[in-house]
């Protein structure tokens, strides 16, 4: 199977089973999504969605958030992972939006990564979700799933994974592919106990055919992968 054929089978499967994938973060505007994505680092979307309503009620926009201080904001996100750093990042991000961006969330990766708490992955998420730009955010799910399916080869870093994926994915599908791979990794291709029996892609999955099948491993009962 060529790499082009492998990608096409993956596209065909997801187009049929998940034609309109979306982020599971709840937001109403770019500012809210930016706050949610910053909070989501090393944290579940479920926990973030439980936390953000109180933040958005008290700080409906960057102007209000920029006027906050650590002691006011911290109690609202103390249940989130790394709350100290994220509190500082959110306030710093809001201040920079007000001072340098007229209160608007920029829509280029280069501008976004200047904001506190925003790295390349976060910038790719924002531009992809809000503006459907052909940017591929690589988290642990994307990194793991793309390698197991054979969409990437010998990729050692998120950037290498990103570069290999966007080389083969049509621009108009990149914003969808981001969600396809994340959701597949979140619910089917789990790190430790992948649900291979439920996976419609196992026939082309390199991990399944070289590890699971070859060694007779029963998925769901032992550690079969890494995050």
Protein backbone atom coordinates (compact mmCIF):
# COMPACT_ATOMS: atom_id res chain seq x y z
CA UNK A 1 0.00 0.00 0.00
CA UNK A 2 1.37 3.40 -0.95
CA UNK A 3 1.28 6.31 1.50
CA UNK A 4 -1.24 8.02 -0.78
CA UNK A 5 -3.54 5.00 -0.65
CA UNK A 6 -3.18 4.78 3.12
CA UNK A 7 -4.18 8.39 3.58
CA UNK A 8 -7.10 8.00 1.17
CA UNK A 9 -8.50 5.04 3.11
CA UNK A 10 -8.27 7.04 6.32
CA UNK A 11 -10.02 10.00 4.69
CA UNK A 12 -12.76 7.77 3.27
CA UNK A 13 -13.39 6.13 6.64
CA UNK A 14 -13.66 9.36 8.59
CA UNK A 15 -15.66 11.16 5.90
CA UNK A 16 -18.21 8.38 6.15
CA UNK A 17 -18.29 8.00 9.93
CA UNK A 18 -17.57 11.58 11.07
CA UNK A 19 -18.25 14.01 8.22
CA UNK A 20 -18.44 17.12 10.42
CA UNK A 21 -16.03 16.73 13.38
CA UNK A 22 -15.81 19.56 15.89
CA UNK A 23 -13.85 20.50 18.97
CA UNK A 24 -15.41 19.33 22.23
CA UNK A 25 -14.50 22.59 23.93
CA UNK A 26 -17.53 24.82 24.48
CA UNK A 27 -17.12 28.43 23.34
CA UNK A 28 -19.07 31.28 21.72
CA UNK A 29 -16.30 33.42 20.22
CA UNK A 30 -12.55 33.45 19.51
CA UNK A 31 -11.72 34.93 22.91
CA UNK A 32 -13.55 32.15 24.72
CA UNK A 33 -11.92 29.46 22.59
CA UNK A 34 -8.48 30.94 23.27
CA UNK A 35 -9.09 30.87 27.01
CA UNK A 36 -10.39 27.29 26.80
CA UNK A 37 -7.47 26.02 24.73
CA UNK A 38 -4.92 27.61 27.06
CA UNK A 39 -6.64 25.89 29.99
CA UNK A 40 -6.83 22.55 28.14
CA UNK A 41 -3.07 21.90 28.16
CA UNK A 42 -2.53 18.66 30.11
CA UNK A 43 -6.20 18.74 31.09
CA UNK A 44 -9.38 17.14 29.77
CA UNK A 45 -11.89 19.08 27.71
CA UNK A 46 -14.58 17.91 30.14
CA UNK A 47 -12.83 19.58 33.06
CA UNK A 48 -12.25 22.74 31.04
CA UNK A 49 -15.93 22.91 30.06
CA UNK A 50 -16.88 22.63 33.72
CA UNK A 51 -14.56 25.51 34.57
CA UNK A 52 -14.99 28.09 31.83
CA UNK A 53 -18.63 29.18 32.44
CA UNK A 54 -17.69 30.93 35.68
CA UNK A 55 -14.69 32.56 33.98
CA UNK A 56 -16.73 33.81 31.02
CA UNK A 57 -19.45 35.13 33.32
CA UNK A 58 -16.98 37.18 35.35
CA UNK A 59 -14.69 38.04 32.44
CA UNK A 60 -16.86 38.20 29.29
CA UNK A 61 -14.04 39.68 27.24
CA UNK A 62 -10.31 40.38 27.26
CA UNK A 63 -10.83 43.84 28.70
CA UNK A 64 -12.34 42.46 31.90
CA UNK A 65 -9.78 39.65 32.11
CA UNK A 66 -6.91 42.08 31.63
CA UNK A 67 -8.17 44.03 34.64
CA UNK A 68 -8.14 40.97 36.87
CA UNK A 69 -5.35 39.88 39.16
CA UNK A 70 -3.97 36.55 40.29
CA UNK A 71 -5.96 36.34 43.52
CA UNK A 72 -9.24 36.99 41.71
CA UNK A 73 -8.75 34.57 38.83
CA UNK A 74 -6.93 31.70 40.54
CA UNK A 75 -9.91 30.39 42.56
CA UNK A 76 -11.88 29.95 39.33
CA UNK A 77 -9.30 27.65 37.76
CA UNK A 78 -7.71 25.98 40.74
CA UNK A 79 -9.19 22.61 39.68
CA UNK A 80 -7.37 22.82 36.34
CA UNK A 81 -3.89 21.36 35.94
CA UNK A 82 -1.05 23.87 36.49
CA UNK A 83 -3.39 26.61 37.77
CA UNK A 84 -0.60 28.95 38.87
CA UNK A 85 0.98 29.22 35.44
CA UNK A 86 -2.33 29.27 33.61
CA UNK A 87 -3.64 32.08 35.80
CA UNK A 88 -0.60 34.18 34.92
CA UNK A 89 -0.85 33.22 31.25
CA UNK A 90 -4.53 34.16 30.95
CA UNK A 91 -4.05 37.58 32.51
CA UNK A 92 -0.93 38.23 30.45
CA UNK A 93 -2.70 37.07 27.28
CA UNK A 94 -5.64 39.40 27.90
CA UNK A 95 -3.37 42.37 28.59
CA UNK A 96 -1.46 41.78 25.37
CA UNK A 97 -4.70 41.48 23.41
CA UNK A 98 -5.80 44.87 24.75
CA UNK A 99 -2.43 46.57 24.33
CA UNK A 100 -1.26 45.14 21.01
CA UNK A 101 -4.31 43.70 19.24
CA UNK A 102 -7.13 46.15 20.02
CA UNK A 103 -8.87 43.47 22.05
CA UNK A 104 -9.17 41.10 19.08
CA UNK A 105 -7.76 37.59 18.86
CA UNK A 106 -5.30 37.57 15.94
CA UNK A 107 -5.72 34.95 13.25
CA UNK A 108 -2.16 34.13 12.30
CA UNK A 109 0.06 31.59 13.98
CA UNK A 110 2.92 34.10 14.12
CA UNK A 111 0.86 36.65 16.04
CA UNK A 112 -0.79 34.13 18.33
CA UNK A 113 2.42 32.52 19.56
CA UNK A 114 3.51 35.90 20.92
CA UNK A 115 0.73 35.70 23.49
CA UNK A 116 1.51 34.27 26.95
CA UNK A 117 0.46 30.65 27.25
CA UNK A 118 0.14 30.18 23.50
CA UNK A 119 2.45 27.77 21.72
CA UNK A 120 2.33 26.45 18.19
CA UNK A 121 -0.26 23.78 19.02
CA UNK A 122 -2.65 26.30 20.56
CA UNK A 123 -2.15 28.73 17.68
CA UNK A 124 -2.87 25.98 15.17
CA UNK A 125 -6.06 25.04 17.05
CA UNK A 126 -7.35 28.62 17.08
CA UNK A 127 -6.68 29.32 13.41
CA UNK A 128 -7.95 25.92 12.33
CA UNK A 129 -11.17 25.92 14.36
CA UNK A 130 -12.12 29.60 13.97
CA UNK A 131 -10.87 30.28 10.46
CA UNK A 132 -10.50 26.76 9.02
CA UNK A 133 -6.92 27.54 8.08
CA UNK A 134 -4.88 24.49 6.96
CA UNK A 135 -2.95 24.24 10.22
CA UNK A 136 -2.49 20.92 12.02
CA UNK A 137 -2.33 21.00 15.81
CA UNK A 138 -0.47 17.98 17.14
CA UNK A 139 -1.24 16.80 20.66
CA UNK A 140 -0.51 13.40 22.17
CA UNK A 141 -3.56 11.88 20.45
CA UNK A 142 -2.61 13.10 16.99
CA UNK A 143 1.01 12.09 17.55
CA UNK A 144 0.05 8.57 18.64
CA UNK A 145 -2.74 7.84 16.15
CA UNK A 146 -0.91 9.13 13.09
CA UNK A 147 2.11 6.96 13.95
CA UNK A 148 0.04 3.84 14.64
CA UNK A 149 -1.90 4.19 11.39
CA UNK A 150 1.28 4.71 9.44
CA UNK A 151 0.43 8.27 8.40
CA UNK A 152 3.78 9.37 9.81
CA UNK A 153 7.11 7.60 9.85
CA UNK A 154 9.89 8.04 12.39
CA UNK A 155 8.44 11.34 13.57
CA UNK A 156 10.13 12.17 16.88
CA UNK A 157 8.53 15.54 17.64
CA UNK A 158 5.10 17.17 17.23
CA UNK A 159 6.57 19.47 14.58
CA UNK A 160 7.83 16.52 12.53
CA UNK A 161 4.40 14.91 12.81
CA UNK A 162 2.73 18.15 11.75
CA UNK A 163 5.01 18.53 8.74
CA UNK A 164 4.44 14.97 7.55
CA UNK A 165 0.67 15.20 7.94
CA UNK A 166 0.19 18.48 6.10
CA UNK A 167 2.37 17.18 3.28
CA UNK A 168 -0.19 14.48 2.49
CA UNK A 169 -3.53 15.90 3.65
CA UNK A 170 -5.38 18.17 1.19
CA UNK A 171 -5.60 21.71 2.53
CA UNK A 172 -9.37 21.65 2.58
CA UNK A 173 -9.35 18.61 4.89
CA UNK A 174 -6.66 19.60 7.38
CA UNK A 175 -9.04 21.35 9.79
CA UNK A 176 -11.21 18.20 9.80
CA UNK A 177 -8.30 15.78 10.02
CA UNK A 178 -7.13 17.50 13.20
CA UNK A 179 -10.39 16.58 14.92
CA UNK A 180 -10.60 13.13 13.32
CA UNK A 181 -7.26 12.08 14.77
CA UNK A 182 -7.86 13.66 18.18
CA UNK A 183 -11.29 12.09 18.65
CA UNK A 184 -10.11 8.71 17.37
CA UNK A 185 -7.28 8.81 19.89
CA UNK A 186 -9.55 9.96 22.68
CA UNK A 187 -12.24 7.30 22.27
CA UNK A 188 -10.85 4.39 20.22
CA UNK A 189 -7.07 4.38 19.80
CA UNK A 190 -6.34 4.82 23.49
CA UNK A 191 -2.75 5.02 24.67
CA UNK A 192 -2.71 2.05 27.04
CA UNK A 193 -5.72 0.00 26.03
CA UNK A 194 -6.67 0.70 22.41
CA UNK A 195 -10.10 -0.54 21.41
CA UNK A 196 -8.88 -2.29 18.29
CA UNK A 197 -11.96 -4.50 18.08
CA UNK A 198 -14.08 -1.36 17.63
CA UNK A 199 -11.75 0.29 15.14
CA UNK A 200 -12.76 0.39 11.49
CA UNK A 201 -9.19 1.17 10.47
CA UNK A 202 -7.44 -1.86 11.94
CA UNK A 203 -7.04 -3.52 8.53
CA UNK A 204 -4.56 -0.79 7.52
CA UNK A 205 -3.22 0.00 10.99
CA UNK A 206 0.49 -0.73 11.24
CA UNK A 207 0.36 -0.92 15.03
CA UNK A 208 -2.49 -3.44 14.99
CA UNK A 209 -0.96 -5.61 12.32
CA UNK A 210 2.60 -5.60 13.66
CA UNK A 211 2.02 -5.60 17.42
CA UNK A 212 -1.51 -6.62 18.36
CA UNK A 213 -2.13 -9.38 15.81
CA UNK A 214 1.41 -10.69 15.51
CA UNK A 215 1.90 -11.19 19.23
CA UNK A 216 -1.65 -12.17 20.04
CA UNK A 217 -2.17 -9.30 22.48
CA UNK A 218 -5.70 -8.88 23.74
CA UNK A 219 -6.56 -5.20 23.67
CA UNK A 220 -8.18 -3.63 26.65
CA UNK A 221 -6.45 -5.90 29.19
CA UNK A 222 -2.85 -4.75 29.27
CA UNK A 223 -0.58 -1.86 28.41
CA UNK A 224 -0.34 -1.90 24.61
CA UNK A 225 1.05 1.53 23.85
CA UNK A 226 2.32 4.78 25.17
CA UNK A 227 0.89 8.26 25.36
